[in-house]
């Protein structure tokens, strides 16, 4: 095993052992802070927290060799899931700790049992959206069931994508080992070139998957949560609540379709059989309906078919820019302009929202782990294009993405 692989395994082991304690501590502190004014049963919460810490210590910290004994790890995971469920019911803030279930499902379980663990963890975290113990009361079952189904579907998709990426990585490592053996006489140069090529390919694929997940699944999940929250706030009006739940279900179906297309590297459904202006126009129309913000698309120039990557890049730029407006801008109107020029195709998105300091926003985005503007810029730069962002507090925001006008059918 290479030193890099050994370092990665050590980091994985350290995260596996330390993360539960850290997340458990954070959840406990957040649950007991007086500022939330929560009705928390302190003795029960502390007792169950100590029991959970002891359970983890016994199976993970004190007996690290048990990690290779699958029956014991299955027993450990079952107990961990039950304890997490009890904690979340007592105090919803323990949904932070429940995230441990996703990590430990990949390590402690095998085969299809890992997906069962992911589903159980998703069902537990869904309890946090309906206020903990409210989920097991008669009027809370329906809300919990809807959120749980959505969470299970999306988390299973994410887990499948990660699992597929790991398998591909294993196959690449095996292939590289065989090549290195066959090229033993030229091991120095050939091994270096092969490793660099593999790492570049894996990095590029990870970037593609990250961009696609952010631009489709993450935004879809955010829209689903928004609609479910709106439904919860309008329970007194069944027709309105039903409309929000129906919209959430449609977003879930669309996210599932996009996930399948992402796995197979297929272009977005919106562009299948539709021109780019029509696809962006559909995105603008639906976004305006969901968010209640006026949005208008204007197309200038000769709207002609472009290379698939050009159209996907501009479509994703439109989706990301609109998502940022919905999340941050508090705008009343958005204007989009799709301009076809001789050598360039440009998408401009302008809003009349609160604006921001671009430099400060990028720093905060990085710290928070965001992938929005960074992912958009990567897409545009892969086509030798340019992304410009202009904004100031109180002055709205303008985002401009320009890419070469590569006609459909042209080779890149």
Protein backbone atom coordinates (compact mmCIF):
# COMPACT_ATOMS: atom_id res chain seq x y z
CA UNK A 1 0.00 0.00 0.00
CA UNK A 2 1.36 3.42 -0.95
CA UNK A 3 2.12 6.05 1.64
CA UNK A 4 -0.67 8.23 0.24
CA UNK A 5 -3.17 5.38 0.60
CA UNK A 6 -1.94 4.76 4.14
CA UNK A 7 -2.40 8.43 5.02
CA UNK A 8 -5.91 8.38 3.58
CA UNK A 9 -6.78 5.23 5.55
CA UNK A 10 -5.44 6.80 8.75
CA UNK A 11 -7.55 9.91 8.16
CA UNK A 12 -10.61 7.78 7.44
CA UNK A 13 -10.06 5.80 10.65
CA UNK A 14 -9.56 8.97 12.68
CA UNK A 15 -12.76 10.47 11.27
CA UNK A 16 -14.66 7.22 11.91
CA UNK A 17 -13.55 7.20 15.55
CA UNK A 18 -13.64 10.92 16.41
CA UNK A 19 -16.61 12.29 14.45
CA UNK A 20 -19.33 10.66 16.60
CA UNK A 21 -17.99 12.23 19.79
CA UNK A 22 -17.62 15.65 18.20
CA UNK A 23 -21.10 15.63 16.66
CA UNK A 24 -22.58 14.28 19.88
CA UNK A 25 -20.96 17.09 21.87
CA UNK A 26 -22.15 19.76 19.43
CA UNK A 27 -25.70 18.37 19.48
CA UNK A 28 -25.73 18.30 23.29
CA UNK A 29 -24.53 21.88 23.60
CA UNK A 30 -27.04 23.15 21.03
CA UNK A 31 -29.89 21.25 22.69
CA UNK A 32 -29.18 22.61 26.15
CA UNK A 33 -28.54 26.24 25.23
CA UNK A 34 -31.18 28.37 26.97
CA UNK A 35 -31.51 30.77 24.02
CA UNK A 36 -33.62 28.26 22.06
CA UNK A 37 -36.30 28.10 24.75
CA UNK A 38 -36.87 24.40 24.01
CA UNK A 39 -38.81 22.02 26.23
CA UNK A 40 -35.91 19.59 26.69
CA UNK A 41 -35.98 16.84 29.31
CA UNK A 42 -32.47 17.43 30.55
CA UNK A 43 -32.01 14.27 32.67
CA UNK A 44 -33.29 12.02 29.90
CA UNK A 45 -31.18 13.78 27.25
CA UNK A 46 -27.99 13.64 29.32
CA UNK A 47 -28.58 10.01 30.29
CA UNK A 48 -29.16 8.90 26.72
CA UNK A 49 -26.17 10.98 25.57
CA UNK A 50 -23.88 9.23 28.07
CA UNK A 51 -25.28 5.85 27.03
CA UNK A 52 -24.59 6.68 23.38
CA UNK A 53 -21.02 7.78 24.13
CA UNK A 54 -20.44 4.58 26.11
CA UNK A 55 -21.85 2.46 23.26
CA UNK A 56 -19.51 4.09 20.74
CA UNK A 57 -16.52 3.85 23.09
CA UNK A 58 -17.07 0.14 23.72
CA UNK A 59 -17.44 -0.91 20.10
CA UNK A 60 -15.19 1.61 18.34
CA UNK A 61 -12.62 3.18 20.67
CA UNK A 62 -11.86 0.35 23.11
CA UNK A 63 -12.06 -2.48 20.58
CA UNK A 64 -10.73 -1.17 17.24
CA UNK A 65 -10.15 -4.73 16.02
CA UNK A 66 -13.91 -5.33 16.00
CA UNK A 67 -14.18 -3.11 12.95
CA UNK A 68 -13.39 -6.15 10.77
CA UNK A 69 -16.00 -8.37 12.49
CA UNK A 70 -19.16 -7.70 10.50
CA UNK A 71 -21.73 -9.29 12.88
CA UNK A 72 -20.45 -7.15 15.77
CA UNK A 73 -20.45 -4.04 13.59
CA UNK A 74 -24.04 -4.78 12.50
CA UNK A 75 -25.02 -5.03 16.17
CA UNK A 76 -23.18 -1.79 16.90
CA UNK A 77 -24.88 0.03 14.05
CA UNK A 78 -28.33 -1.21 15.12
CA UNK A 79 -27.75 0.09 18.64
CA UNK A 80 -26.34 3.38 17.37
CA UNK A 81 -29.41 3.89 15.18
CA UNK A 82 -31.79 3.21 18.05
CA UNK A 83 -29.92 5.61 20.35
CA UNK A 84 -29.84 8.32 17.66
CA UNK A 85 -33.59 7.94 17.14
CA UNK A 86 -34.23 8.36 20.85
CA UNK A 87 -32.04 11.44 21.05
CA UNK A 88 -33.66 13.11 18.03
CA UNK A 89 -37.13 12.51 19.46
CA UNK A 90 -36.08 14.13 22.74
CA UNK A 91 -34.22 17.06 21.14
CA UNK A 92 -34.25 17.79 17.37
CA UNK A 93 -30.76 19.33 17.54
CA UNK A 94 -29.42 15.77 17.76
CA UNK A 95 -30.08 15.57 14.03
CA UNK A 96 -26.50 16.87 13.81
CA UNK A 97 -25.29 13.71 15.55
CA UNK A 98 -27.56 11.51 13.43
CA UNK A 99 -25.32 12.33 10.44
CA UNK A 100 -22.91 9.77 11.96
CA UNK A 101 -25.23 7.08 10.67
CA UNK A 102 -24.35 7.85 7.05
CA UNK A 103 -20.61 7.52 7.65
CA UNK A 104 -20.86 4.40 9.79
CA UNK A 105 -23.27 2.70 7.36
CA UNK A 106 -20.51 2.72 4.74
CA UNK A 107 -17.96 1.25 7.18
CA UNK A 108 -19.96 -1.08 9.43
CA UNK A 109 -22.42 -2.62 6.95
CA UNK A 110 -22.04 -4.49 3.67
CA UNK A 111 -24.05 -4.97 0.50
CA UNK A 112 -27.66 -3.84 0.50
CA UNK A 113 -27.60 -3.49 4.28
CA UNK A 114 -25.71 -0.22 3.79
CA UNK A 115 -28.69 1.22 1.93
CA UNK A 116 -30.94 0.04 4.76
CA UNK A 117 -28.68 1.94 7.16
CA UNK A 118 -28.82 5.06 4.97
CA UNK A 119 -32.63 4.81 4.82
CA UNK A 120 -32.88 4.44 8.62
CA UNK A 121 -30.61 7.44 9.17
CA UNK A 122 -32.62 9.53 6.68
CA UNK A 123 -35.86 8.64 8.47
CA UNK A 124 -34.31 9.71 11.77
CA UNK A 125 -32.99 13.03 10.44
CA UNK A 126 -36.43 13.71 8.93
CA UNK A 127 -37.77 13.85 12.50
CA UNK A 128 -35.81 17.06 13.04
CA UNK A 129 -37.90 18.87 10.40
CA UNK A 130 -41.13 18.26 12.30
CA UNK A 131 -39.90 19.15 15.77
CA UNK A 132 -38.66 15.93 17.32
CA UNK A 133 -41.34 14.13 19.30
CA UNK A 134 -44.02 15.88 17.23
CA UNK A 135 -43.28 13.30 14.52
CA UNK A 136 -44.86 10.45 16.50
CA UNK A 137 -48.04 12.34 17.34
CA UNK A 138 -51.14 11.71 15.17
CA UNK A 139 -51.01 15.09 13.43
CA UNK A 140 -47.27 14.82 12.75
CA UNK A 141 -47.09 11.47 10.93
CA UNK A 142 -48.05 12.85 7.54
CA UNK A 143 -45.43 15.61 7.51
CA UNK A 144 -42.75 13.25 8.79
CA UNK A 145 -43.62 10.62 6.16
CA UNK A 146 -43.33 13.07 3.25
CA UNK A 147 -40.00 14.47 4.47
CA UNK A 148 -38.69 10.97 5.25
CA UNK A 149 -39.52 9.62 1.78
CA UNK A 150 -37.81 12.56 0.07
CA UNK A 151 -34.77 12.31 2.37
CA UNK A 152 -34.47 8.54 1.83
CA UNK A 153 -34.66 8.86 -1.97
CA UNK A 154 -32.09 11.66 -2.19
CA UNK A 155 -29.68 10.21 0.38
CA UNK A 156 -29.82 6.83 -1.37
CA UNK A 157 -28.96 8.56 -4.64
CA UNK A 158 -26.01 10.37 -3.06
CA UNK A 159 -24.83 7.14 -1.43
CA UNK A 160 -25.11 5.27 -4.73
CA UNK A 161 -23.07 7.94 -6.50
CA UNK A 162 -20.38 7.82 -3.82
CA UNK A 163 -20.35 4.01 -3.91
CA UNK A 164 -20.05 4.00 -7.70
CA UNK A 165 -17.18 6.49 -7.48
CA UNK A 166 -15.38 4.26 -4.96
CA UNK A 167 -15.81 1.21 -7.17
CA UNK A 168 -14.48 3.11 -10.15
CA UNK A 169 -11.52 4.21 -8.05
CA UNK A 170 -10.82 0.58 -7.09
CA UNK A 171 -10.98 -0.50 -10.72
CA UNK A 172 -8.63 2.30 -11.72
CA UNK A 173 -6.17 1.29 -8.99
CA UNK A 174 -6.22 -2.33 -10.14
CA UNK A 175 -5.73 -1.30 -13.75
CA UNK A 176 -2.81 0.94 -12.83
CA UNK A 177 -1.17 -1.85 -10.83
CA UNK A 178 -1.30 -4.17 -13.86
CA UNK A 179 0.11 -1.48 -16.13
CA UNK A 180 2.95 -0.74 -13.71
CA UNK A 181 3.86 -4.44 -13.63
CA UNK A 182 3.84 -4.69 -17.44
CA UNK A 183 6.01 -1.58 -17.77
CA UNK A 184 8.53 -2.52 -15.07
CA UNK A 185 11.52 -1.66 -17.28
CA UNK A 186 10.23 1.89 -17.70
CA UNK A 187 8.72 2.15 -14.23
CA UNK A 188 10.02 5.63 -13.45
CA UNK A 189 8.62 7.65 -16.33
CA UNK A 190 5.63 5.49 -17.18
CA UNK A 191 4.43 5.18 -13.58
CA UNK A 192 4.63 8.93 -13.12
CA UNK A 193 2.66 9.63 -16.31
CA UNK A 194 0.01 7.06 -15.50
CA UNK A 195 -0.52 8.34 -11.97
CA UNK A 196 -0.81 11.91 -13.21
CA UNK A 197 -3.30 10.90 -15.91
CA UNK A 198 -5.40 8.92 -13.45
CA UNK A 199 -5.44 11.68 -10.87
CA UNK A 200 -6.38 14.24 -13.51
CA UNK A 201 -9.22 12.02 -14.75
CA UNK A 202 -10.52 11.29 -11.26
CA UNK A 203 -10.30 14.97 -10.34
CA UNK A 204 -12.14 16.03 -13.48
CA UNK A 205 -14.88 13.43 -12.89
CA UNK A 206 -15.25 14.47 -9.26
CA UNK A 207 -15.55 18.08 -10.31
CA UNK A 208 -18.19 17.13 -12.88
CA UNK A 209 -20.15 15.12 -10.32
CA UNK A 210 -19.86 17.90 -7.74
CA UNK A 211 -21.12 20.48 -10.22
CA UNK A 212 -24.00 18.30 -11.36
CA UNK A 213 -25.03 17.38 -7.81
CA UNK A 214 -24.93 21.02 -6.74
CA UNK A 215 -26.76 22.29 -9.83
CA UNK A 216 -29.50 19.63 -9.76
CA UNK A 217 -29.90 17.56 -6.60
CA UNK A 218 -28.83 20.15 -4.02
CA UNK A 219 -31.00 22.86 -5.57
CA UNK A 220 -33.88 20.41 -5.93
CA UNK A 221 -33.60 19.43 -2.26
CA UNK A 222 -33.54 23.07 -1.23
CA UNK A 223 -36.70 23.67 -3.24
CA UNK A 224 -38.38 20.64 -1.69
CA UNK A 225 -37.59 21.84 1.84
CA UNK A 226 -38.92 25.31 0.97
CA UNK A 227 -42.18 23.89 -0.33
CA UNK A 228 -42.63 21.58 2.67
CA UNK A 229 -42.00 24.45 5.06
CA UNK A 230 -44.58 26.50 3.18
CA UNK A 231 -47.03 23.59 3.39
CA UNK A 232 -46.44 23.32 7.14
CA UNK A 233 -47.18 27.02 7.57
CA UNK A 234 -50.46 26.75 5.63
CA UNK A 235 -51.93 23.64 7.24
CA UNK A 236 -55.05 25.68 8.07
CA UNK A 237 -55.65 25.98 4.31
CA UNK A 238 -55.66 22.38 2.97
CA UNK A 239 -55.80 23.44 -0.69
CA UNK A 240 -52.71 25.65 -0.39
CA UNK A 241 -50.83 23.07 1.69
CA UNK A 242 -51.68 20.37 -0.86
CA UNK A 243 -50.37 22.58 -3.67
CA UNK A 244 -47.03 23.02 -1.89
CA UNK A 245 -46.74 19.27 -1.22
CA UNK A 246 -47.54 18.52 -4.88
CA UNK A 247 -44.82 20.94 -5.98
CA UNK A 248 -42.35 19.25 -3.58
CA UNK A 249 -43.19 15.85 -5.08
CA UNK A 250 -42.64 17.18 -8.61
CA UNK A 251 -39.26 18.58 -7.58
CA UNK A 252 -38.34 15.20 -6.07
CA UNK A 253 -39.21 13.40 -9.31
CA UNK A 254 -37.21 15.89 -11.35
CA UNK A 255 -34.24 15.52 -8.99
CA UNK A 256 -34.37 11.73 -9.36
CA UNK A 257 -34.42 12.03 -13.17
CA UNK A 258 -31.47 14.44 -13.12
CA UNK A 259 -29.58 12.11 -10.77
CA UNK A 260 -29.90 9.26 -13.24
CA UNK A 261 -28.74 11.51 -16.06
CA UNK A 262 -25.79 12.66 -13.94
CA UNK A 263 -24.65 9.07 -13.31
CA UNK A 264 -24.69 8.33 -17.05
CA UNK A 265 -23.29 11.76 -18.03
CA UNK A 266 -26.38 12.52 -20.13
CA UNK A 267 -27.29 16.11 -20.96
CA UNK A 268 -30.07 17.68 -18.84
CA UNK A 269 -33.64 16.71 -19.63
CA UNK A 270 -34.53 20.34 -20.29
CA UNK A 271 -32.18 20.34 -23.31
CA UNK A 272 -33.37 16.99 -24.67
CA UNK A 273 -35.22 18.01 -27.82
CA UNK A 274 -35.46 21.70 -26.90
CA UNK A 275 -33.51 24.79 -27.90
CA UNK A 276 -31.44 26.61 -25.31
CA UNK A 277 -33.68 29.74 -25.16
CA UNK A 278 -36.72 27.52 -24.63
CA UNK A 279 -34.96 25.49 -21.92
CA UNK A 280 -33.83 28.60 -20.03
CA UNK A 281 -37.27 30.14 -20.52
CA UNK A 282 -38.86 27.08 -18.89
CA UNK A 283 -36.42 27.34 -15.98
CA UNK A 284 -37.24 31.04 -15.55
CA UNK A 285 -40.99 30.44 -15.69
CA UNK A 286 -40.99 27.65 -13.12
CA UNK A 287 -38.57 29.49 -10.84
CA UNK A 288 -40.81 32.56 -10.92
CA UNK A 289 -43.87 30.48 -10.05
CA UNK A 290 -42.18 28.71 -7.13
CA UNK A 291 -40.52 31.81 -5.63
CA UNK A 292 -43.15 34.44 -6.45
CA UNK A 293 -40.59 36.78 -8.05
CA UNK A 294 -41.03 38.41 -11.46
CA UNK A 295 -38.45 37.06 -13.91
CA UNK A 296 -38.15 37.77 -17.64
CA UNK A 297 -35.87 36.22 -20.28
CA UNK A 298 -34.88 38.22 -23.38
CA UNK A 299 -33.05 36.58 -26.30
CA UNK A 300 -31.02 38.67 -28.77
CA UNK A 301 -29.11 37.75 -31.91
CA UNK A 302 -29.34 34.61 -34.06
CA UNK A 303 -30.48 31.85 -31.68
CA UNK A 304 -28.77 28.86 -33.32
CA UNK A 305 -27.89 25.38 -31.99
CA UNK A 306 -24.65 25.31 -30.01
CA UNK A 307 -22.36 22.52 -28.87
CA UNK A 308 -23.91 20.47 -26.05
CA UNK A 309 -21.33 21.63 -23.49
CA UNK A 310 -21.97 25.27 -24.35
CA UNK A 311 -25.71 24.88 -23.85
CA UNK A 312 -25.34 22.85 -20.64
CA UNK A 313 -22.94 25.45 -19.23
CA UNK A 314 -25.30 28.35 -19.88
CA UNK A 315 -28.35 26.44 -18.63
CA UNK A 316 -26.59 25.57 -15.38
CA UNK A 317 -25.39 29.17 -15.05
CA UNK A 318 -28.99 30.36 -15.31
CA UNK A 319 -30.16 27.82 -12.72
CA UNK A 320 -27.37 28.69 -10.27
CA UNK A 321 -27.82 32.45 -10.67
CA UNK A 322 -31.57 32.15 -10.03
CA UNK A 323 -30.96 29.88 -7.05
CA UNK A 324 -28.62 32.49 -5.56
CA UNK A 325 -31.25 35.20 -6.09
CA UNK A 326 -33.86 33.10 -4.28
CA UNK A 327 -31.52 32.35 -1.37
CA UNK A 328 -29.80 35.68 -0.84
CA UNK A 329 -31.02 38.62 -2.91
CA UNK A 330 -34.53 39.37 -1.56
CA UNK A 331 -35.22 40.75 -5.02
CA UNK A 332 -38.52 41.85 -6.54
CA UNK A 333 -37.53 41.41 -10.18
CA UNK A 334 -34.95 39.50 -12.20
CA UNK A 335 -33.98 40.07 -15.82
CA UNK A 336 -32.08 37.53 -17.94
CA UNK A 337 -30.60 38.24 -21.37
CA UNK A 338 -29.30 35.47 -23.65
CA UNK A 339 -27.18 37.07 -26.38
CA UNK A 340 -25.99 35.22 -29.50
CA UNK A 341 -23.03 36.98 -31.10
CA UNK A 342 -20.68 35.92 -33.88
CA UNK A 343 -17.98 34.49 -31.61
CA UNK A 344 -19.64 34.43 -28.18
CA UNK A 345 -22.83 33.42 -26.42
CA UNK A 346 -23.49 35.43 -23.26
CA UNK A 347 -25.99 35.04 -20.45
CA UNK A 348 -26.58 38.07 -18.21
CA UNK A 349 -28.65 37.80 -15.02
CA UNK A 350 -29.56 41.00 -13.16
CA UNK A 351 -31.63 41.45 -10.01
CA UNK A 352 -32.76 44.43 -7.94
CA UNK A 353 -31.97 42.76 -4.62
CA UNK A 354 -29.89 43.74 -1.62
CA UNK A 355 -26.53 43.09 -3.32
CA UNK A 356 -23.29 42.16 -1.54
CA UNK A 357 -19.54 42.69 -1.46
CA UNK A 358 -18.24 40.16 -4.04
CA UNK A 359 -14.88 39.62 -2.33
CA UNK A 360 -16.43 39.05 1.09
CA UNK A 361 -19.10 36.78 -0.37
CA UNK A 362 -16.53 34.52 -1.99
CA UNK A 363 -14.66 34.17 1.27
CA UNK A 364 -17.81 33.27 3.17
CA UNK A 365 -18.86 30.86 0.47
CA UNK A 366 -15.60 29.00 0.73
CA UNK A 367 -15.76 28.84 4.46
CA UNK A 368 -19.25 27.47 4.33
CA UNK A 369 -18.37 24.84 1.80
CA UNK A 370 -20.51 26.35 -0.93
CA UNK A 371 -20.05 25.40 -4.54
CA UNK A 372 -22.25 28.01 -6.27
CA UNK A 373 -20.16 30.71 -7.95
CA UNK A 374 -17.05 28.52 -7.83
CA UNK A 375 -18.82 25.72 -9.71
CA UNK A 376 -20.27 28.17 -12.21
CA UNK A 377 -16.83 29.69 -12.82
CA UNK A 378 -15.29 26.23 -13.32
CA UNK A 379 -17.91 25.33 -15.91
CA UNK A 380 -17.35 28.53 -17.84
CA UNK A 381 -13.56 28.35 -17.68
CA UNK A 382 -13.55 24.76 -18.97
CA UNK A 383 -14.85 26.24 -22.23
CA UNK A 384 -12.28 29.07 -22.18
CA UNK A 385 -15.07 31.42 -21.17
CA UNK A 386 -15.40 34.14 -18.57
CA UNK A 387 -17.65 34.76 -15.56
CA UNK A 388 -18.06 38.29 -14.17
CA UNK A 389 -19.97 39.24 -11.02
CA UNK A 390 -20.82 42.86 -10.22
CA UNK A 391 -22.63 43.86 -7.05
CA UNK A 392 -22.72 46.31 -4.19
CA UNK A 393 -24.80 46.46 -1.01
CA UNK A 394 -28.22 47.84 -1.87
CA UNK A 395 -27.45 47.99 -5.60
CA UNK A 396 -28.49 44.56 -6.81
CA UNK A 397 -26.31 42.00 -8.54
CA UNK A 398 -25.33 41.28 -12.15
CA UNK A 399 -23.81 37.96 -13.25
CA UNK A 400 -22.44 37.58 -16.77
CA UNK A 401 -21.29 34.27 -18.26
CA UNK A 402 -19.64 34.38 -21.71
CA UNK A 403 -18.51 31.28 -23.61
CA UNK A 404 -17.27 30.71 -27.17
CA UNK A 405 -20.03 30.22 -29.75
CA UNK A 406 -19.09 26.62 -30.67
CA UNK A 407 -21.70 25.38 -33.15
CA UNK A 408 -23.50 22.06 -32.70
CA UNK A 409 -21.58 19.14 -34.17
CA UNK A 410 -18.16 20.79 -33.78
CA UNK A 411 -15.47 18.68 -32.09
CA UNK A 412 -13.75 20.09 -29.04
